[in-house]
Amino acid sequence: MRLIVLGSGTSVPHARRASTTHWLETERGTLLLDMSADAPHRMAQEGLDWAGLDAVWISHFHLDHSGGLAPYLFGMRSAPQTQTRKKPMNIYAGVGFERILRAFDEANNYKLFKQPFPLNVVELRPGQEFEILPQLSARTFATPHTPESLALRLTNRDGRVVVYTSDTGYSLELAEFAAGADLLVMECSFFKDKSVTTHLKLDEALQLARTAAPRKLLLTHLYEEWDHVDLVSEAKKLWQGETLEARDGLLLQL
């Protein structure tokens, strides 16, 4: 498996960070972890097979995590690269997402669901287990962010584990859900202070990491206050495990 950071930022425009999106590639398929408005063009910029993408995971309904899906499907419908595609595309999200996508579709008859290939929307609840790609199993976990927010634990046939928290507040149960991951992709919106309980600051993220004990920790969803902070050095003061700062274009091989 390999993971490419397409967007390490937030909803706030940033010169070097697109909104949060991550590309996960396995031997049997490709999965996009959230689809921000920047995601379709970021896939093209990185030379990825955006036309052959197998599945999309939408962690919650905030626009910086789901707002790129409708434009992407609008482009896919008529793109020359997709006209001979026959394999289906599966979109996985929390309960209620298909209603949102269809409402957008019907607002101007965009025909988002009339693709050259089968398009499926699969709605999930916390604690569900399913196969998100061939030989890649998945399990969901409710996170304290929005009512529908879900973290995702992915396990391949070799037992390698990737956990993607997406946006979340502090939760010891989330750390238990992520226990022993080879790669834990965790939000870390703020450095020292935060105005909301539904995101993490550094000391909270590292407390969760100490409990989860991943082999590698990738901190993402970074607001601009991180621009002048050495994230990795600050993380070492709180946890001795391997911490990486997400940057757009970063590639990790598992």
C-alpha atoms as a PDB file:
ATOM      1  CA  MET A   1       0.000   0.000   0.000  1.00  0.00           C
ATOM      2  CA  ARG A   2       1.024   3.574  -0.505  1.00  0.00           C
ATOM      3  CA  LEU A   3      -0.581   6.804   0.669  1.00  0.00           C
ATOM      4  CA  ILE A   4      -0.261  10.168  -1.048  1.00  0.00           C
ATOM      5  CA  VAL A   5      -1.256  13.382   0.696  1.00  0.00           C
ATOM      6  CA  LEU A   6      -3.261  15.409  -1.799  1.00  0.00           C
ATOM      7  CA  GLY A   7      -4.385  17.962   0.752  1.00  0.00           C
ATOM      8  CA  SER A   8      -3.068  18.570   4.263  1.00  0.00           C
ATOM      9  CA  GLY A   9      -5.021  21.707   5.071  1.00  0.00           C
ATOM     10  CA  THR A  10      -8.500  22.820   6.045  1.00  0.00           C
ATOM     11  CA  SER A  11     -11.415  24.754   4.567  1.00  0.00           C
ATOM     12  CA  VAL A  12      -9.433  28.002   4.874  1.00  0.00           C
ATOM     13  CA  PRO A  13      -7.603  28.821   1.607  1.00  0.00           C
ATOM     14  CA  HIS A  14      -3.852  28.290   1.899  1.00  0.00           C
ATOM     15  CA  ALA A  15      -1.082  28.828  -0.644  1.00  0.00           C
ATOM     16  CA  ARG A  16       0.619  25.473   0.006  1.00  0.00           C
ATOM     17  CA  ARG A  17      -2.075  23.267   1.534  1.00  0.00           C
ATOM     18  CA  ALA A  18      -5.173  22.052  -0.268  1.00  0.00           C
ATOM     19  CA  SER A  19      -8.153  20.935   1.806  1.00  0.00           C
ATOM     20  CA  THR A  20      -7.768  17.508   3.375  1.00  0.00           C
ATOM     21  CA  THR A  21      -7.711  14.598   0.918  1.00  0.00           C
ATOM     22  CA  HIS A  22      -5.589  11.444   0.877  1.00  0.00           C
ATOM     23  CA  TRP A  23      -5.084   8.863  -1.892  1.00  0.00           C
ATOM     24  CA  LEU A  24      -4.608   5.233  -0.806  1.00  0.00           C
ATOM     25  CA  GLU A  25      -3.381   2.747  -3.372  1.00  0.00           C
ATOM     26  CA  THR A  26      -3.316  -1.044  -2.950  1.00  0.00           C
ATOM     27  CA  GLU A  27      -2.463  -3.929  -5.273  1.00  0.00           C
ATOM     28  CA  ARG A  28      -6.171  -4.372  -5.969  1.00  0.00           C
ATOM     29  CA  GLY A  29      -7.498  -0.841  -6.229  1.00  0.00           C
ATOM     30  CA  THR A  30      -7.495   2.810  -5.237  1.00  0.00           C
ATOM     31  CA  LEU A  31      -9.405   4.653  -2.539  1.00  0.00           C
ATOM     32  CA  LEU A  32      -9.774   8.373  -1.928  1.00  0.00           C
ATOM     33  CA  LEU A  33     -10.063   9.328   1.735  1.00  0.00           C
ATOM     34  CA  ASP A  34     -12.393  12.339   1.592  1.00  0.00           C
ATOM     35  CA  MET A  35     -12.840  14.517  -1.482  1.00  0.00           C
ATOM     36  CA  SER A  36     -12.367  18.223  -0.955  1.00  0.00           C
ATOM     37  CA  ALA A  37     -13.072  20.757  -3.678  1.00  0.00           C
ATOM     38  CA  ASP A  38      -9.348  20.700  -4.475  1.00  0.00           C
ATOM     39  CA  ALA A  39      -9.162  16.915  -4.830  1.00  0.00           C
ATOM     40  CA  PRO A  40     -10.068  16.374  -8.505  1.00  0.00           C
ATOM     41  CA  HIS A  41      -7.357  18.720  -9.753  1.00  0.00           C
ATOM     42  CA  ARG A  42      -4.845  17.548  -7.143  1.00  0.00           C
ATOM     43  CA  MET A  43      -5.234  13.969  -8.412  1.00  0.00           C
ATOM     44  CA  ALA A  44      -4.416  15.197 -11.913  1.00  0.00           C
ATOM     45  CA  GLN A  45      -1.472  17.283 -10.670  1.00  0.00           C
ATOM     46  CA  GLU A  46       0.061  14.220  -8.995  1.00  0.00           C
ATOM     47  CA  GLY A  47      -0.364  12.131 -12.147  1.00  0.00           C
ATOM     48  CA  LEU A  48      -2.820   9.738 -10.491  1.00  0.00           C
ATOM     49  CA  ASP A  49      -5.423   7.672 -12.300  1.00  0.00           C
ATOM     50  CA  TRP A  50      -8.379   9.867 -11.349  1.00  0.00           C
ATOM     51  CA  ALA A  51     -10.507   8.316 -14.103  1.00  0.00           C
ATOM     52  CA  GLY A  52      -9.955   4.818 -12.731  1.00  0.00           C
ATOM     53  CA  LEU A  53     -10.529   5.585  -9.052  1.00  0.00           C
ATOM     54  CA  ASP A  54     -12.314   2.602  -7.479  1.00  0.00           C
ATOM     55  CA  ALA A  55     -13.845   4.010  -4.297  1.00  0.00           C
ATOM     56  CA  VAL A  56     -14.384   7.195  -2.326  1.00  0.00           C
ATOM     57  CA  TRP A  57     -14.682   7.458   1.446  1.00  0.00           C
ATOM     58  CA  ILE A  58     -16.555  10.487   2.806  1.00  0.00           C
ATOM     59  CA  SER A  59     -15.884  10.762   6.537  1.00  0.00           C
ATOM     60  CA  HIS A  60     -18.525  13.437   7.166  1.00  0.00           C
ATOM     61  CA  PHE A  61     -20.577  15.991   5.307  1.00  0.00           C
ATOM     62  CA  HIS A  62     -18.570  19.187   5.819  1.00  0.00           C
ATOM     63  CA  LEU A  63     -17.767  20.731   2.446  1.00  0.00           C
ATOM     64  CA  ASP A  64     -13.982  20.651   2.861  1.00  0.00           C
ATOM     65  CA  HIS A  65     -14.309  16.844   2.995  1.00  0.00           C
ATOM     66  CA  SER A  66     -17.120  16.219   0.527  1.00  0.00           C
ATOM     67  CA  GLY A  67     -17.437  19.327  -1.635  1.00  0.00           C
ATOM     68  CA  GLY A  68     -15.323  17.995  -4.494  1.00  0.00           C
ATOM     69  CA  LEU A  69     -17.438  14.927  -5.172  1.00  0.00           C
ATOM     70  CA  ALA A  70     -20.235  16.555  -7.182  1.00  0.00           C
ATOM     71  CA  PRO A  71     -17.842  18.492  -9.472  1.00  0.00           C
ATOM     72  CA  TYR A  72     -15.734  15.344  -9.879  1.00  0.00           C
ATOM     73  CA  LEU A  73     -18.762  13.272 -10.920  1.00  0.00           C
ATOM     74  CA  PHE A  74     -19.884  16.095 -13.215  1.00  0.00           C
ATOM     75  CA  GLY A  75     -16.508  15.944 -14.957  1.00  0.00           C
ATOM     76  CA  MET A  76     -16.389  12.144 -14.999  1.00  0.00           C
ATOM     77  CA  ARG A  77     -19.724  11.933 -16.824  1.00  0.00           C
ATOM     78  CA  SER A  78     -18.345  13.382 -20.041  1.00  0.00           C
ATOM     79  CA  ALA A  79     -14.552  13.058 -19.716  1.00  0.00           C
ATOM     80  CA  PRO A  80     -12.976  11.191 -22.663  1.00  0.00           C
ATOM     81  CA  GLN A  81     -10.960   9.119 -20.184  1.00  0.00           C
ATOM     82  CA  THR A  82     -14.087   7.527 -18.657  1.00  0.00           C
ATOM     83  CA  GLN A  83     -16.192   6.661 -21.693  1.00  0.00           C
ATOM     84  CA  THR A  84     -14.937   3.068 -21.929  1.00  0.00           C
ATOM     85  CA  ARG A  85     -14.883   2.462 -18.181  1.00  0.00           C
ATOM     86  CA  LYS A  86     -17.046  -0.482 -17.106  1.00  0.00           C
ATOM     87  CA  LYS A  87     -15.985  -1.176 -13.527  1.00  0.00           C
ATOM     88  CA  PRO A  88     -18.191   0.381 -10.822  1.00  0.00           C
ATOM     89  CA  MET A  89     -17.288   3.218  -8.500  1.00  0.00           C
ATOM     90  CA  ASN A  90     -18.412   2.933  -4.894  1.00  0.00           C
ATOM     91  CA  ILE A  91     -18.959   5.926  -2.630  1.00  0.00           C
ATOM     92  CA  TYR A  92     -19.018   5.134   1.096  1.00  0.00           C
ATOM     93  CA  ALA A  93     -20.375   7.638   3.613  1.00  0.00           C
ATOM     94  CA  GLY A  94     -22.532   8.030   6.689  1.00  0.00           C
ATOM     95  CA  VAL A  95     -26.298   7.736   6.668  1.00  0.00           C
ATOM     96  CA  GLY A  96     -27.912  10.643   4.824  1.00  0.00           C
ATOM     97  CA  PHE A  97     -25.194  11.363   2.281  1.00  0.00           C
ATOM     98  CA  GLU A  98     -27.029  10.034  -0.770  1.00  0.00           C
ATOM     99  CA  ARG A  99     -29.879  12.472  -0.048  1.00  0.00           C
ATOM    100  CA  ILE A 100     -27.383  15.353  -0.028  1.00  0.00           C
ATOM    101  CA  LEU A 101     -25.742  14.254  -3.263  1.00  0.00           C
ATOM    102  CA  ARG A 102     -29.076  13.758  -5.021  1.00  0.00           C
ATOM    103  CA  ALA A 103     -30.322  17.145  -3.822  1.00  0.00           C
ATOM    104  CA  PHE A 104     -27.270  18.768  -5.378  1.00  0.00           C
ATOM    105  CA  ASP A 105     -27.785  16.725  -8.542  1.00  0.00           C
ATOM    106  CA  GLU A 106     -31.428  17.693  -8.882  1.00  0.00           C
ATOM    107  CA  ALA A 107     -30.797  21.390  -8.204  1.00  0.00           C
ATOM    108  CA  ASN A 108     -29.700  21.860 -11.822  1.00  0.00           C
ATOM    109  CA  ASN A 109     -30.141  18.448 -13.475  1.00  0.00           C
ATOM    110  CA  TYR A 110     -26.411  17.726 -13.407  1.00  0.00           C
ATOM    111  CA  LYS A 111     -26.971  13.996 -14.160  1.00  0.00           C
ATOM    112  CA  LEU A 112     -24.290  13.032 -11.640  1.00  0.00           C
ATOM    113  CA  PHE A 113     -25.674   9.516 -11.340  1.00  0.00           C
ATOM    114  CA  LYS A 114     -25.793   8.975 -15.138  1.00  0.00           C
ATOM    115  CA  GLN A 115     -22.206   7.844 -15.551  1.00  0.00           C
ATOM    116  CA  PRO A 116     -20.722   5.590 -18.269  1.00  0.00           C
ATOM    117  CA  PHE A 117     -20.105   3.097 -15.435  1.00  0.00           C
ATOM    118  CA  PRO A 118     -22.136   1.854 -12.434  1.00  0.00           C
ATOM    119  CA  LEU A 119     -22.117   4.292  -9.514  1.00  0.00           C
ATOM    120  CA  ASN A 120     -23.102   3.084  -6.052  1.00  0.00           C
ATOM    121  CA  VAL A 121     -23.603   5.044  -2.830  1.00  0.00           C
ATOM    122  CA  VAL A 122     -23.253   2.882   0.291  1.00  0.00           C
ATOM    123  CA  GLU A 123     -24.346   4.420   3.586  1.00  0.00           C
ATOM    124  CA  LEU A 124     -22.739   3.150   6.775  1.00  0.00           C
ATOM    125  CA  ARG A 125     -23.265   3.283  10.511  1.00  0.00           C
ATOM    126  CA  PRO A 126     -20.703   3.157  13.342  1.00  0.00           C
ATOM    127  CA  GLY A 127     -19.220  -0.272  13.971  1.00  0.00           C
ATOM    128  CA  GLN A 128     -19.933  -1.671  10.526  1.00  0.00           C
ATOM    129  CA  GLU A 129     -17.430  -4.023   8.888  1.00  0.00           C
ATOM    130  CA  PHE A 130     -17.211  -4.381   5.121  1.00  0.00           C
ATOM    131  CA  GLU A 131     -14.792  -4.831   2.214  1.00  0.00           C
ATOM    132  CA  ILE A 132     -14.029  -1.392   0.809  1.00  0.00           C
ATOM    133  CA  LEU A 133     -11.691  -2.725  -1.894  1.00  0.00           C
ATOM    134  CA  PRO A 134     -10.856  -6.311  -2.831  1.00  0.00           C
ATOM    135  CA  GLN A 135      -8.777  -7.774   0.012  1.00  0.00           C
ATOM    136  CA  LEU A 136      -9.008  -4.555   2.004  1.00  0.00           C
ATOM    137  CA  SER A 137     -11.386  -4.794   4.943  1.00  0.00           C
ATOM    138  CA  ALA A 138     -12.797  -1.782   6.726  1.00  0.00           C
ATOM    139  CA  ARG A 139     -14.433  -0.962  10.044  1.00  0.00           C
ATOM    140  CA  THR A 140     -16.087   2.298  11.089  1.00  0.00           C
ATOM    141  CA  PHE A 141     -16.099   4.203  14.382  1.00  0.00           C
ATOM    142  CA  ALA A 142     -18.168   7.235  15.422  1.00  0.00           C
ATOM    143  CA  THR A 143     -16.044  10.282  16.230  1.00  0.00           C
ATOM    144  CA  PRO A 144     -17.000  13.418  18.207  1.00  0.00           C
ATOM    145  CA  HIS A 145     -17.156  15.929  15.379  1.00  0.00           C
ATOM    146  CA  THR A 146     -20.551  15.858  13.627  1.00  0.00           C
ATOM    147  CA  PRO A 147     -23.407  13.391  14.134  1.00  0.00           C
ATOM    148  CA  GLU A 148     -22.425  11.381  11.049  1.00  0.00           C
ATOM    149  CA  SER A 149     -18.626  11.549  11.433  1.00  0.00           C
ATOM    150  CA  LEU A 150     -16.836   8.230  11.079  1.00  0.00           C
ATOM    151  CA  ALA A 151     -13.226   7.141  11.456  1.00  0.00           C
ATOM    152  CA  LEU A 152     -12.037   4.240   9.309  1.00  0.00           C
ATOM    153  CA  ARG A 153      -9.760   1.278  10.106  1.00  0.00           C
ATOM    154  CA  LEU A 154      -8.382  -0.469   7.023  1.00  0.00           C
ATOM    155  CA  THR A 155      -6.639  -3.868   7.063  1.00  0.00           C
ATOM    156  CA  ASN A 156      -5.128  -5.542   4.004  1.00  0.00           C
ATOM    157  CA  ARG A 157      -4.539  -9.262   3.453  1.00  0.00           C
ATOM    158  CA  ASP A 158      -1.024  -9.001   4.915  1.00  0.00           C
ATOM    159  CA  GLY A 159      -2.374  -7.519   8.135  1.00  0.00           C
ATOM    160  CA  ARG A 160      -1.150  -3.992   7.478  1.00  0.00           C
ATOM    161  CA  VAL A 161      -3.417  -1.432   9.133  1.00  0.00           C
ATOM    162  CA  VAL A 162      -4.156   2.175   8.204  1.00  0.00           C
ATOM    163  CA  VAL A 163      -6.459   4.226  10.425  1.00  0.00           C
ATOM    164  CA  TYR A 164      -7.913   7.508   9.203  1.00  0.00           C
ATOM    165  CA  THR A 165      -9.580   9.624  11.880  1.00  0.00           C
ATOM    166  CA  SER A 166     -10.560  12.594   9.709  1.00  0.00           C
ATOM    167  CA  ASP A 167     -11.909  15.486  11.803  1.00  0.00           C
ATOM    168  CA  THR A 168     -12.468  14.587  15.431  1.00  0.00           C
ATOM    169  CA  GLY A 169     -12.514  15.810  18.972  1.00  0.00           C
ATOM    170  CA  TYR A 170     -10.680  14.026  21.792  1.00  0.00           C
ATOM    171  CA  SER A 171     -11.789  10.428  22.387  1.00  0.00           C
ATOM    172  CA  LEU A 172      -9.944   7.672  24.241  1.00  0.00           C
ATOM    173  CA  GLU A 173     -12.213   5.172  22.501  1.00  0.00           C
ATOM    174  CA  LEU A 174     -10.835   6.431  19.190  1.00  0.00           C
ATOM    175  CA  ALA A 175      -7.302   5.672  20.388  1.00  0.00           C
ATOM    176  CA  GLU A 176      -8.388   2.130  21.220  1.00  0.00           C
ATOM    177  CA  PHE A 177      -9.974   1.826  17.767  1.00  0.00           C
ATOM    178  CA  ALA A 178      -6.633   2.871  16.225  1.00  0.00           C
ATOM    179  CA  ALA A 179      -4.485   0.625  18.426  1.00  0.00           C
ATOM    180  CA  GLY A 180      -1.462  -0.923  16.733  1.00  0.00           C
ATOM    181  CA  ALA A 181      -1.947   0.732  13.338  1.00  0.00           C
ATOM    182  CA  ASP A 182       0.987   0.706  10.965  1.00  0.00           C
ATOM    183  CA  LEU A 183      -0.058   4.214   9.939  1.00  0.00           C
ATOM    184  CA  LEU A 184      -2.385   6.467  11.890  1.00  0.00           C
ATOM    185  CA  VAL A 185      -3.568   9.471   9.874  1.00  0.00           C
ATOM    186  CA  MET A 186      -4.916  11.845  12.497  1.00  0.00           C
ATOM    187  CA  GLU A 187      -6.183  15.391  12.402  1.00  0.00           C
ATOM    188  CA  CYS A 188      -4.245  17.981  14.405  1.00  0.00           C
ATOM    189  CA  SER A 189      -5.922  21.267  13.633  1.00  0.00           C
ATOM    190  CA  PHE A 190      -4.303  23.420  16.303  1.00  0.00           C
ATOM    191  CA  PHE A 191      -0.984  23.818  18.089  1.00  0.00           C
ATOM    192  CA  LYS A 192      -1.663  24.958  21.662  1.00  0.00           C
ATOM    193  CA  ASP A 193      -5.072  26.601  21.836  1.00  0.00           C
ATOM    194  CA  LYS A 194      -8.416  25.735  20.277  1.00  0.00           C
ATOM    195  CA  SER A 195     -11.820  27.366  20.351  1.00  0.00           C
ATOM    196  CA  VAL A 196     -13.865  24.199  19.704  1.00  0.00           C
ATOM    197  CA  THR A 197     -14.038  20.727  21.228  1.00  0.00           C
ATOM    198  CA  THR A 198     -14.637  19.033  17.886  1.00  0.00           C
ATOM    199  CA  HIS A 199     -11.010  19.260  16.707  1.00  0.00           C
ATOM    200  CA  LEU A 200      -7.653  18.263  18.213  1.00  0.00           C
ATOM    201  CA  LYS A 201      -4.659  20.269  19.333  1.00  0.00           C
ATOM    202  CA  LEU A 202      -1.180  18.802  19.501  1.00  0.00           C
ATOM    203  CA  ASP A 203      -1.078  17.601  23.103  1.00  0.00           C
ATOM    204  CA  GLU A 204      -4.457  15.880  22.682  1.00  0.00           C
ATOM    205  CA  ALA A 205      -3.379  14.196  19.444  1.00  0.00           C
ATOM    206  CA  LEU A 206      -0.195  12.941  21.084  1.00  0.00           C
ATOM    207  CA  GLN A 207      -2.092  11.645  24.119  1.00  0.00           C
ATOM    208  CA  LEU A 208      -4.160   9.550  21.731  1.00  0.00           C
ATOM    209  CA  ALA A 209      -1.003   8.428  19.937  1.00  0.00           C
ATOM    210  CA  ARG A 210       0.563   7.224  23.170  1.00  0.00           C
ATOM    211  CA  THR A 211      -2.477   5.018  23.751  1.00  0.00           C
ATOM    212  CA  ALA A 212      -2.824   3.829  20.154  1.00  0.00           C
ATOM    213  CA  ALA A 213       0.946   3.261  19.699  1.00  0.00           C
ATOM    214  CA  PRO A 214       1.030   3.331  15.883  1.00  0.00           C
ATOM    215  CA  ARG A 215       4.239   2.566  14.001  1.00  0.00           C
ATOM    216  CA  LYS A 216       3.897   5.916  12.225  1.00  0.00           C
ATOM    217  CA  LEU A 217       1.734   8.928  13.010  1.00  0.00           C
ATOM    218  CA  LEU A 218       0.812  11.348  10.239  1.00  0.00           C
ATOM    219  CA  LEU A 219      -0.714  14.607  11.470  1.00  0.00           C
ATOM    220  CA  THR A 220      -2.926  16.398   8.967  1.00  0.00           C
ATOM    221  CA  HIS A 221      -5.780  18.935   8.670  1.00  0.00           C
ATOM    222  CA  LEU A 222      -3.395  21.719   9.687  1.00  0.00           C
ATOM    223  CA  TYR A 223      -4.494  25.332  10.043  1.00  0.00           C
ATOM    224  CA  GLU A 224      -2.163  28.160   9.020  1.00  0.00           C
ATOM    225  CA  GLU A 225      -0.904  28.637  12.593  1.00  0.00           C
ATOM    226  CA  TRP A 226       1.290  25.593  11.893  1.00  0.00           C
ATOM    227  CA  ASP A 227       3.180  27.507   9.176  1.00  0.00           C
ATOM    228  CA  HIS A 228       5.714  28.849  11.671  1.00  0.00           C
ATOM    229  CA  VAL A 229       5.895  25.832  13.992  1.00  0.00           C
ATOM    230  CA  ASP A 230       8.218  22.821  13.665  1.00  0.00           C
ATOM    231  CA  LEU A 231       5.513  20.212  14.145  1.00  0.00           C
ATOM    232  CA  VAL A 232       7.838  17.203  14.311  1.00  0.00           C
ATOM    233  CA  SER A 233      10.116  18.796  16.944  1.00  0.00           C
ATOM    234  CA  GLU A 234       7.153  19.848  19.057  1.00  0.00           C
ATOM    235  CA  ALA A 235       5.671  16.351  18.797  1.00  0.00           C
ATOM    236  CA  LYS A 236       8.902  14.768  20.073  1.00  0.00           C
ATOM    237  CA  LYS A 237       8.503  16.688  23.317  1.00  0.00           C
ATOM    238  CA  LEU A 238       5.258  14.810  23.964  1.00  0.00           C
ATOM    239  CA  TRP A 239       5.718  11.399  22.316  1.00  0.00           C
ATOM    240  CA  GLN A 240       8.810   9.479  21.229  1.00  0.00           C
ATOM    241  CA  GLY A 241       7.182   7.601  18.382  1.00  0.00           C
ATOM    242  CA  GLU A 242       7.626   8.545  14.733  1.00  0.00           C
ATOM    243  CA  THR A 243       5.561  11.611  13.825  1.00  0.00           C
ATOM    244  CA  LEU A 244       5.264  13.047  10.338  1.00  0.00           C
ATOM    245  CA  GLU A 245       3.812  16.368   9.253  1.00  0.00           C
ATOM    246  CA  ALA A 246       1.425  15.992   6.335  1.00  0.00           C
ATOM    247  CA  ARG A 247       2.439  18.098   3.360  1.00  0.00           C
ATOM    248  CA  ASP A 248       0.776  18.184  -0.027  1.00  0.00           C
ATOM    249  CA  GLY A 249       2.502  15.672  -2.306  1.00  0.00           C
ATOM    250  CA  LEU A 250       4.007  13.588   0.515  1.00  0.00           C
ATOM    251  CA  LEU A 251       4.168   9.882  -0.418  1.00  0.00           C
ATOM    252  CA  LEU A 252       4.327   7.131   2.198  1.00  0.00           C
ATOM    253  CA  GLN A 253       5.024   3.506   1.313  1.00  0.00           C
ATOM    254  CA  LEU A 254       3.665   0.868   3.672  1.00  0.00           C
END
